[in-house]
PDB file of N, CA and C in Angstrom:
ATOM      1  N   MET A   1      64.307  71.082  56.368  1.00  0.00           N
ATOM      2  CA  MET A   1      65.393  72.029  56.515  1.00  0.00           C
ATOM      3  C   MET A   1      64.807  73.433  56.716  1.00  0.00           C
ATOM      4  N   SER A   2      65.355  74.144  57.640  1.00  0.00           N
ATOM      5  CA  SER A   2      64.818  75.465  57.967  1.00  0.00           C
ATOM      6  C   SER A   2      65.272  76.515  56.955  1.00  0.00           C
ATOM      7  N   TYR A   3      64.617  77.644  57.020  1.00  0.00           N
ATOM      8  CA  TYR A   3      64.965  78.771  56.149  1.00  0.00           C
ATOM      9  C   TYR A   3      66.418  79.189  56.368  1.00  0.00           C
ATOM     10  N   ARG A   4      66.831  79.256  57.622  1.00  0.00           N
ATOM     11  CA  ARG A   4      68.207  79.676  57.942  1.00  0.00           C
ATOM     12  C   ARG A   4      69.241  78.694  57.373  1.00  0.00           C
ATOM     13  N   GLU A   5      68.960  77.413  57.473  1.00  0.00           N
ATOM     14  CA  GLU A   5      69.882  76.413  56.923  1.00  0.00           C
ATOM     15  C   GLU A   5      69.956  76.514  55.403  1.00  0.00           C
ATOM     16  N   ASN A   6      68.805  76.729  54.762  1.00  0.00           N
ATOM     17  CA  ASN A   6      68.793  76.917  53.307  1.00  0.00           C
ATOM     18  C   ASN A   6      69.606  78.139  52.915  1.00  0.00           C
ATOM     19  N   TYR A   7      69.442  79.209  53.671  1.00  0.00           N
ATOM     20  CA  TYR A   7      70.171  80.441  53.373  1.00  0.00           C
ATOM     21  C   TYR A   7      71.671  80.217  53.531  1.00  0.00           C
ATOM     22  N   GLN A   8      72.084  79.538  54.586  1.00  0.00           N
ATOM     23  CA  GLN A   8      73.503  79.267  54.813  1.00  0.00           C
ATOM     24  C   GLN A   8      74.085  78.391  53.704  1.00  0.00           C
ATOM     25  N   ARG A   9      73.325  77.402  53.228  1.00  0.00           N
ATOM     26  CA  ARG A   9      73.795  76.561  52.130  1.00  0.00           C
ATOM     27  C   ARG A   9      73.951  77.388  50.854  1.00  0.00           C
ATOM     28  N   MET A  10      72.998  78.290  50.619  1.00  0.00           N
ATOM     29  CA  MET A  10      73.069  79.130  49.427  1.00  0.00           C
ATOM     30  C   MET A  10      74.302  80.027  49.490  1.00  0.00           C
ATOM     31  N   ILE A  11      74.557  80.625  50.644  1.00  0.00           N
ATOM     32  CA  ILE A  11      75.735  81.481  50.810  1.00  0.00           C
ATOM     33  C   ILE A  11      77.006  80.668  50.616  1.00  0.00           C
ATOM     34  N   HIS A  12      77.042  79.474  51.177  1.00  0.00           N
ATOM     35  CA  HIS A  12      78.232  78.627  51.051  1.00  0.00           C
ATOM     36  C   HIS A  12      78.504  78.277  49.584  1.00  0.00           C
ATOM     37  N   ARG A  13      77.453  77.969  48.835  1.00  0.00           N
ATOM     38  CA  ARG A  13      77.613  77.618  47.421  1.00  0.00           C
ATOM     39  C   ARG A  13      77.977  78.823  46.569  1.00  0.00           C
ATOM     40  N   ASN A  14      77.475  79.983  46.934  1.00  0.00           N
ATOM     41  CA  ASN A  14      77.679  81.181  46.128  1.00  0.00           C
ATOM     42  C   ASN A  14      78.741  82.102  46.703  1.00  0.00           C
ATOM     43  N   LYS A  15      79.657  81.575  47.466  1.00  0.00           N
ATOM     44  CA  LYS A  15      80.665  82.390  48.127  1.00  0.00           C
ATOM     45  C   LYS A  15      81.514  83.151  47.115  1.00  0.00           C
ATOM     46  N   ALA A  16      81.886  82.496  46.015  1.00  0.00           N
ATOM     47  CA  ALA A  16      82.714  83.158  44.998  1.00  0.00           C
ATOM     48  C   ALA A  16      81.959  84.331  44.386  1.00  0.00           C
ATOM     49  N   THR A  17      80.667  84.164  44.126  1.00  0.00           N
ATOM     50  CA  THR A  17      79.860  85.254  43.577  1.00  0.00           C
ATOM     51  C   THR A  17      79.767  86.395  44.573  1.00  0.00           C
ATOM     52  N   GLY A  18      79.602  86.073  45.845  1.00  0.00           N
ATOM     53  CA  GLY A  18      79.537  87.100  46.886  1.00  0.00           C
ATOM     54  C   GLY A  18      80.811  87.916  46.957  1.00  0.00           C
ATOM     55  N   TYR A  19      81.944  87.233  46.862  1.00  0.00           N
ATOM     56  CA  TYR A  19      83.222  87.943  46.886  1.00  0.00           C
ATOM     57  C   TYR A  19      83.392  88.814  45.651  1.00  0.00           C
ATOM     58  N   ALA A  20      82.935  88.314  44.498  1.00  0.00           N
ATOM     59  CA  ALA A  20      83.030  89.097  43.262  1.00  0.00           C
ATOM     60  C   ALA A  20      82.156  90.348  43.354  1.00  0.00           C
ATOM     61  N   ILE A  21      80.953  90.200  43.894  1.00  0.00           N
ATOM     62  CA  ILE A  21      80.056  91.349  44.062  1.00  0.00           C
ATOM     63  C   ILE A  21      80.692  92.362  45.008  1.00  0.00           C
ATOM     64  N   TYR A  22      81.217  91.885  46.127  1.00  0.00           N
ATOM     65  CA  TYR A  22      81.839  92.794  47.086  1.00  0.00           C
ATOM     66  C   TYR A  22      83.037  93.505  46.472  1.00  0.00           C
ATOM     67  N   ASP A  23      83.835  92.799  45.696  1.00  0.00           N
ATOM     68  CA  ASP A  23      85.004  93.397  45.050  1.00  0.00           C
ATOM     69  C   ASP A  23      84.577  94.504  44.094  1.00  0.00           C
ATOM     70  N   CYS A  24      83.555  94.251  43.292  1.00  0.00           N
ATOM     71  CA  CYS A  24      83.066  95.272  42.349  1.00  0.00           C
ATOM     72  C   CYS A  24      82.489  96.473  43.087  1.00  0.00           C
ATOM     73  N   LEU A  25      81.739  96.218  44.158  1.00  0.00           N
ATOM     74  CA  LEU A  25      81.173  97.311  44.945  1.00  0.00           C
ATOM     75  C   LEU A  25      82.278  98.151  45.574  1.00  0.00           C
ATOM     76  N   LEU A  26      83.309  97.492  46.063  1.00  0.00           N
ATOM     77  CA  LEU A  26      84.423  98.204  46.685  1.00  0.00           C
ATOM     78  C   LEU A  26      85.162  99.078  45.666  1.00  0.00           C
ATOM     79  N   LYS A  27      85.357  98.570  44.452  1.00  0.00           N
ATOM     80  CA  LYS A  27      86.007  99.365  43.409  1.00  0.00           C
ATOM     81  C   LYS A  27      85.177 100.596  43.060  1.00  0.00           C
ATOM     82  N   ALA A  28      83.857 100.421  42.928  1.00  0.00           N
ATOM     83  CA  ALA A  28      82.977 101.558  42.623  1.00  0.00           C
ATOM     84  C   ALA A  28      82.995 102.560  43.773  1.00  0.00           C
ATOM     85  N   TYR A  29      82.986 102.069  44.994  1.00  0.00           N
ATOM     86  CA  TYR A  29      83.014 102.936  46.172  1.00  0.00           C
ATOM     87  C   TYR A  29      84.288 103.775  46.198  1.00  0.00           C
ATOM     88  N   ARG A  30      85.412 103.136  45.943  1.00  0.00           N
ATOM     89  CA  ARG A  30      86.686 103.868  45.942  1.00  0.00           C
ATOM     90  C   ARG A  30      86.736 104.907  44.831  1.00  0.00           C
ATOM     91  N   LYS A  31      86.172 104.579  43.678  1.00  0.00           N
ATOM     92  CA  LYS A  31      86.130 105.517  42.563  1.00  0.00           C
ATOM     93  C   LYS A  31      85.337 106.765  42.942  1.00  0.00           C
ATOM     94  N   HIS A  32      84.190 106.573  43.589  1.00  0.00           N
ATOM     95  CA  HIS A  32      83.370 107.707  44.005  1.00  0.00           C
ATOM     96  C   HIS A  32      84.058 108.511  45.110  1.00  0.00           C
ATOM     97  N   ALA A  33      84.718 107.827  46.010  1.00  0.00           N
ATOM     98  CA  ALA A  33      85.392 108.522  47.110  1.00  0.00           C
ATOM     99  C   ALA A  33      86.518 109.405  46.596  1.00  0.00           C
ATOM    100  N   GLU A  34      87.183 108.985  45.529  1.00  0.00           N
ATOM    101  CA  GLU A  34      88.266 109.790  44.960  1.00  0.00           C
ATOM    102  C   GLU A  34      87.745 110.963  44.139  1.00  0.00           C
ATOM    103  N   SER A  35      86.635 110.775  43.430  1.00  0.00           N
ATOM    104  CA  SER A  35      86.172 111.805  42.501  1.00  0.00           C
ATOM    105  C   SER A  35      85.123 112.747  43.080  1.00  0.00           C
ATOM    106  N   MET A  36      84.422 112.333  44.145  1.00  0.00           N
ATOM    107  CA  MET A  36      83.369 113.177  44.723  1.00  0.00           C
ATOM    108  C   MET A  36      83.588 113.298  46.225  1.00  0.00           C
ATOM    109  N   ASP A  37      82.880 114.245  46.843  1.00  0.00           N
ATOM    110  CA  ASP A  37      83.002 114.357  48.298  1.00  0.00           C
ATOM    111  C   ASP A  37      82.038 113.435  49.018  1.00  0.00           C
ATOM    112  N   VAL A  38      81.249 112.668  48.304  1.00  0.00           N
ATOM    113  CA  VAL A  38      80.346 111.707  48.939  1.00  0.00           C
ATOM    114  C   VAL A  38      80.859 110.304  48.632  1.00  0.00           C
ATOM    115  N   SER A  39      80.503 109.394  49.470  1.00  0.00           N
ATOM    116  CA  SER A  39      80.936 108.025  49.224  1.00  0.00           C
ATOM    117  C   SER A  39      79.738 107.098  49.288  1.00  0.00           C
ATOM    118  N   GLY A  40      79.640 106.256  48.303  1.00  0.00           N
ATOM    119  CA  GLY A  40      78.542 105.310  48.231  1.00  0.00           C
ATOM    120  C   GLY A  40      78.491 104.664  46.868  1.00  0.00           C
ATOM    121  N   ILE A  41      77.421 103.955  46.620  1.00  0.00           N
ATOM    122  CA  ILE A  41      77.214 103.222  45.387  1.00  0.00           C
ATOM    123  C   ILE A  41      75.981 103.788  44.701  1.00  0.00           C
ATOM    124  N   THR A  42      76.046 104.005  43.392  1.00  0.00           N
ATOM    125  CA  THR A  42      74.890 104.521  42.662  1.00  0.00           C
ATOM    126  C   THR A  42      74.081 103.366  42.075  1.00  0.00           C
ATOM    127  N   ASP A  43      72.857 103.671  41.668  1.00  0.00           N
ATOM    128  CA  ASP A  43      72.016 102.669  41.014  1.00  0.00           C
ATOM    129  C   ASP A  43      72.663 102.193  39.715  1.00  0.00           C
ATOM    130  N   ARG A  44      73.340 103.098  39.024  1.00  0.00           N
ATOM    131  CA  ARG A  44      74.019 102.707  37.785  1.00  0.00           C
ATOM    132  C   ARG A  44      75.154 101.724  38.059  1.00  0.00           C
ATOM    133  N   ASP A  45      75.840 101.890  39.188  1.00  0.00           N
ATOM    134  CA  ASP A  45      76.875 100.923  39.560  1.00  0.00           C
ATOM    135  C   ASP A  45      76.262  99.543  39.777  1.00  0.00           C
ATOM    136  N   ILE A  46      75.137  99.513  40.454  1.00  0.00           N
ATOM    137  CA  ILE A  46      74.455  98.253  40.721  1.00  0.00           C
ATOM    138  C   ILE A  46      74.036  97.590  39.416  1.00  0.00           C
ATOM    139  N   SER A  47      73.506  98.386  38.482  1.00  0.00           N
ATOM    140  CA  SER A  47      73.100  97.837  37.185  1.00  0.00           C
ATOM    141  C   SER A  47      74.291  97.285  36.412  1.00  0.00           C
ATOM    142  N   ARG A  48      75.378  98.022  36.406  1.00  0.00           N
ATOM    143  CA  ARG A  48      76.569  97.578  35.670  1.00  0.00           C
ATOM    144  C   ARG A  48      77.159  96.306  36.292  1.00  0.00           C
ATOM    145  N   ILE A  49      77.224  96.235  37.602  1.00  0.00           N
ATOM    146  CA  ILE A  49      77.741  95.035  38.273  1.00  0.00           C
ATOM    147  C   ILE A  49      76.831  93.846  37.979  1.00  0.00           C
ATOM    148  N   SER A  50      75.535  94.099  37.970  1.00  0.00           N
ATOM    149  CA  SER A  50      74.570  93.045  37.677  1.00  0.00           C
ATOM    150  C   SER A  50      74.788  92.471  36.282  1.00  0.00           C
ATOM    151  N   GLU A  51      74.994  93.342  35.308  1.00  0.00           N
ATOM    152  CA  GLU A  51      75.229  92.880  33.939  1.00  0.00           C
ATOM    153  C   GLU A  51      76.575  92.172  33.811  1.00  0.00           C
ATOM    154  N   MET A  52      77.581  92.675  34.499  1.00  0.00           N
ATOM    155  CA  MET A  52      78.922  92.121  34.389  1.00  0.00           C
ATOM    156  C   MET A  52      79.009  90.724  35.023  1.00  0.00           C
ATOM    157  N   LEU A  53      78.394  90.550  36.189  1.00  0.00           N
ATOM    158  CA  LEU A  53      78.493  89.275  36.904  1.00  0.00           C
ATOM    159  C   LEU A  53      77.315  88.341  36.655  1.00  0.00           C
ATOM    160  N   LEU A  54      76.331  88.814  35.885  1.00  0.00           N
ATOM    161  CA  LEU A  54      75.134  88.021  35.572  1.00  0.00           C
ATOM    162  C   LEU A  54      74.375  87.595  36.821  1.00  0.00           C
ATOM    163  N   VAL A  55      74.217  88.549  37.730  1.00  0.00           N
ATOM    164  CA  VAL A  55      73.386  88.335  38.915  1.00  0.00           C
ATOM    165  C   VAL A  55      72.310  89.421  38.921  1.00  0.00           C
ATOM    166  N   SER A  56      71.237  89.185  39.648  1.00  0.00           N
ATOM    167  CA  SER A  56      70.145  90.147  39.648  1.00  0.00           C
ATOM    168  C   SER A  56      70.489  91.373  40.504  1.00  0.00           C
ATOM    169  N   GLU A  57      69.930  92.500  40.114  1.00  0.00           N
ATOM    170  CA  GLU A  57      70.109  93.724  40.902  1.00  0.00           C
ATOM    171  C   GLU A  57      69.506  93.544  42.294  1.00  0.00           C
ATOM    172  N   ARG A  58      68.442  92.788  42.350  1.00  0.00           N
ATOM    173  CA  ARG A  58      67.778  92.531  43.639  1.00  0.00           C
ATOM    174  C   ARG A  58      68.733  91.832  44.602  1.00  0.00           C
ATOM    175  N   TRP A  59      69.511  90.868  44.091  1.00  0.00           N
ATOM    176  CA  TRP A  59      70.468  90.157  44.943  1.00  0.00           C
ATOM    177  C   TRP A  59      71.544  91.111  45.451  1.00  0.00           C
ATOM    178  N   ILE A  60      72.028  91.986  44.584  1.00  0.00           N
ATOM    179  CA  ILE A  60      73.053  92.950  44.988  1.00  0.00           C
ATOM    180  C   ILE A  60      72.500  93.890  46.053  1.00  0.00           C
ATOM    181  N   ARG A  61      71.276  94.375  45.856  1.00  0.00           N
ATOM    182  CA  ARG A  61      70.656  95.255  46.852  1.00  0.00           C
ATOM    183  C   ARG A  61      70.437  94.508  48.176  1.00  0.00           C
ATOM    184  N   HIS A  62      70.099  93.227  48.093  1.00  0.00           N
ATOM    185  CA  HIS A  62      69.934  92.411  49.295  1.00  0.00           C
ATOM    186  C   HIS A  62      71.245  92.359  50.076  1.00  0.00           C
ATOM    187  N   ILE A  63      72.338  92.146  49.373  1.00  0.00           N
ATOM    188  CA  ILE A  63      73.648  92.100  50.030  1.00  0.00           C
ATOM    189  C   ILE A  63      73.977  93.450  50.657  1.00  0.00           C
ATOM    190  N   LEU A  64      73.686  94.529  49.935  1.00  0.00           N
ATOM    191  CA  LEU A  64      73.951  95.871  50.470  1.00  0.00           C
ATOM    192  C   LEU A  64      73.157  96.125  51.749  1.00  0.00           C
ATOM    193  N   CYS A  65      71.891  95.760  51.734  1.00  0.00           N
ATOM    194  CA  CYS A  65      71.027  96.020  52.893  1.00  0.00           C
ATOM    195  C   CYS A  65      71.345  95.082  54.058  1.00  0.00           C
ATOM    196  N   LYS A  66      71.527  93.814  53.766  1.00  0.00           N
ATOM    197  CA  LYS A  66      71.735  92.838  54.832  1.00  0.00           C
ATOM    198  C   LYS A  66      73.023  93.107  55.596  1.00  0.00           C
ATOM    199  N   TYR A  67      74.082  93.420  54.885  1.00  0.00           N
ATOM    200  CA  TYR A  67      75.373  93.582  55.537  1.00  0.00           C
ATOM    201  C   TYR A  67      75.761  95.037  55.756  1.00  0.00           C
ATOM    202  N   HIS A  68      74.880  95.973  55.396  1.00  0.00           N
ATOM    203  CA  HIS A  68      75.120  97.407  55.599  1.00  0.00           C
ATOM    204  C   HIS A  68      76.487  97.827  55.051  1.00  0.00           C
ATOM    205  N   LEU A  69      76.760  97.438  53.808  1.00  0.00           N
ATOM    206  CA  LEU A  69      78.083  97.674  53.246  1.00  0.00           C
ATOM    207  C   LEU A  69      78.316  99.129  52.861  1.00  0.00           C
ATOM    208  N   PHE A  70      77.458  99.663  52.002  1.00  0.00           N
ATOM    209  CA  PHE A  70      77.653 101.014  51.495  1.00  0.00           C
ATOM    210  C   PHE A  70      76.308 101.716  51.421  1.00  0.00           C
ATOM    211  N   PHE A  71      76.354 103.033  51.354  1.00  0.00           N
ATOM    212  CA  PHE A  71      75.145 103.810  51.099  1.00  0.00           C
ATOM    213  C   PHE A  71      74.872 103.804  49.605  1.00  0.00           C
ATOM    214  N   VAL A  72      73.589 103.827  49.237  1.00  0.00           N
ATOM    215  CA  VAL A  72      73.216 103.921  47.833  1.00  0.00           C
ATOM    216  C   VAL A  72      72.946 105.390  47.533  1.00  0.00           C
ATOM    217  N   ILE A  73      73.666 105.939  46.563  1.00  0.00           N
ATOM    218  CA  ILE A  73      73.539 107.341  46.185  1.00  0.00           C
ATOM    219  C   ILE A  73      72.491 107.441  45.083  1.00  0.00           C
ATOM    220  N   ILE A  74      71.615 108.418  45.186  1.00  0.00           N
ATOM    221  CA  ILE A  74      70.628 108.637  44.137  1.00  0.00           C
ATOM    222  C   ILE A  74      71.325 109.305  42.959  1.00  0.00           C
ATOM    223  N   ASP A  75      71.246 108.678  41.789  1.00  0.00           N
ATOM    224  CA  ASP A  75      71.998 109.130  40.615  1.00  0.00           C
ATOM    225  C   ASP A  75      71.674 110.544  40.175  1.00  0.00           C
ATOM    226  N   GLN A  76      70.425 110.934  40.279  1.00  0.00           N
ATOM    227  CA  GLN A  76      70.051 112.242  39.750  1.00  0.00           C
ATOM    228  C   GLN A  76      70.708 113.385  40.510  1.00  0.00           C
ATOM    229  N   TYR A  77      71.116 113.144  41.745  1.00  0.00           N
ATOM    230  CA  TYR A  77      71.772 114.193  42.510  1.00  0.00           C
ATOM    231  C   TYR A  77      73.285 114.202  42.325  1.00  0.00           C
ATOM    232  N   TYR A  78      73.835 113.082  41.930  1.00  0.00           N
ATOM    233  CA  TYR A  78      75.285 112.976  41.726  1.00  0.00           C
ATOM    234  C   TYR A  78      75.566 112.343  40.372  1.00  0.00           C
ATOM    235  N   PRO A  79      75.330 113.086  39.286  1.00  0.00           N
ATOM    236  CA  PRO A  79      75.578 112.500  37.958  1.00  0.00           C
ATOM    237  C   PRO A  79      77.064 112.279  37.742  1.00  0.00           C
ATOM    238  N   GLU A  80      77.374 111.222  37.033  1.00  0.00           N
ATOM    239  CA  GLU A  80      78.765 110.898  36.756  1.00  0.00           C
ATOM    240  C   GLU A  80      79.039 111.134  35.278  1.00  0.00           C
ATOM    241  N   GLU A  81      80.142 111.760  34.971  1.00  0.00           N
ATOM    242  CA  GLU A  81      80.463 112.084  33.594  1.00  0.00           C
ATOM    243  C   GLU A  81      80.718 110.847  32.750  1.00  0.00           C
ATOM    244  N   GLU A  82      81.336 109.826  33.308  1.00  0.00           N
ATOM    245  CA  GLU A  82      81.696 108.660  32.514  1.00  0.00           C
ATOM    246  C   GLU A  82      80.509 107.824  32.065  1.00  0.00           C
ATOM    247  N   TRP A  83      79.336 108.053  32.624  1.00  0.00           N
ATOM    248  CA  TRP A  83      78.161 107.286  32.227  1.00  0.00           C
ATOM    249  C   TRP A  83      77.426 107.919  31.055  1.00  0.00           C
ATOM    250  N   LYS A  84      77.819 109.106  30.638  1.00  0.00           N
ATOM    251  CA  LYS A  84      77.100 109.793  29.569  1.00  0.00           C
ATOM    252  C   LYS A  84      77.100 109.007  28.267  1.00  0.00           C
ATOM    253  N   ASP A  85      78.150 108.225  28.018  1.00  0.00           N
ATOM    254  CA  ASP A  85      78.218 107.481  26.767  1.00  0.00           C
ATOM    255  C   ASP A  85      77.156 106.390  26.683  1.00  0.00           C
ATOM    256  N   GLU A  86      76.593 105.961  27.808  1.00  0.00           N
ATOM    257  CA  GLU A  86      75.579 104.920  27.803  1.00  0.00           C
ATOM    258  C   GLU A  86      74.157 105.459  27.735  1.00  0.00           C
ATOM    259  N   GLU A  87      73.988 106.740  27.934  1.00  0.00           N
ATOM    260  CA  GLU A  87      72.647 107.315  27.886  1.00  0.00           C
ATOM    261  C   GLU A  87      72.188 107.395  26.433  1.00  0.00           C
ATOM    262  N   THR A  88      70.934 107.071  26.216  1.00  0.00           N
ATOM    263  CA  THR A  88      70.382 107.137  24.864  1.00  0.00           C
ATOM    264  C   THR A  88      69.250 108.137  24.836  1.00  0.00           C
ATOM    265  N   ASP A  89      69.146 108.827  23.731  1.00  0.00           N
ATOM    266  CA  ASP A  89      68.048 109.775  23.548  1.00  0.00           C
ATOM    267  C   ASP A  89      66.873 109.046  22.941  1.00  0.00           C
ATOM    268  N   VAL A  90      65.696 109.223  23.542  1.00  0.00           N
ATOM    269  CA  VAL A  90      64.501 108.550  23.049  1.00  0.00           C
ATOM    270  C   VAL A  90      63.679 109.520  22.246  1.00  0.00           C
TER     271      VAL A  90
END
């Protein structure tokens, strides 16, 4: 079986996970579009979606890159107020 066939089988089996990832990314994107003048997904969004859906961040980034869904925003330039409760002082 070729690499492409394996990939297609994996996508077919994980279709529900793909839709869940896309739904979460879309919600985060809309939230940023309403609250900021930039639109995209932050690294913190990717981490939170990864924890929520129990998928790897690498897989989410793969989906973002492969399908060119959203831009990834660098967090340090666009800090979000609602994430402050998760930051810990070391």
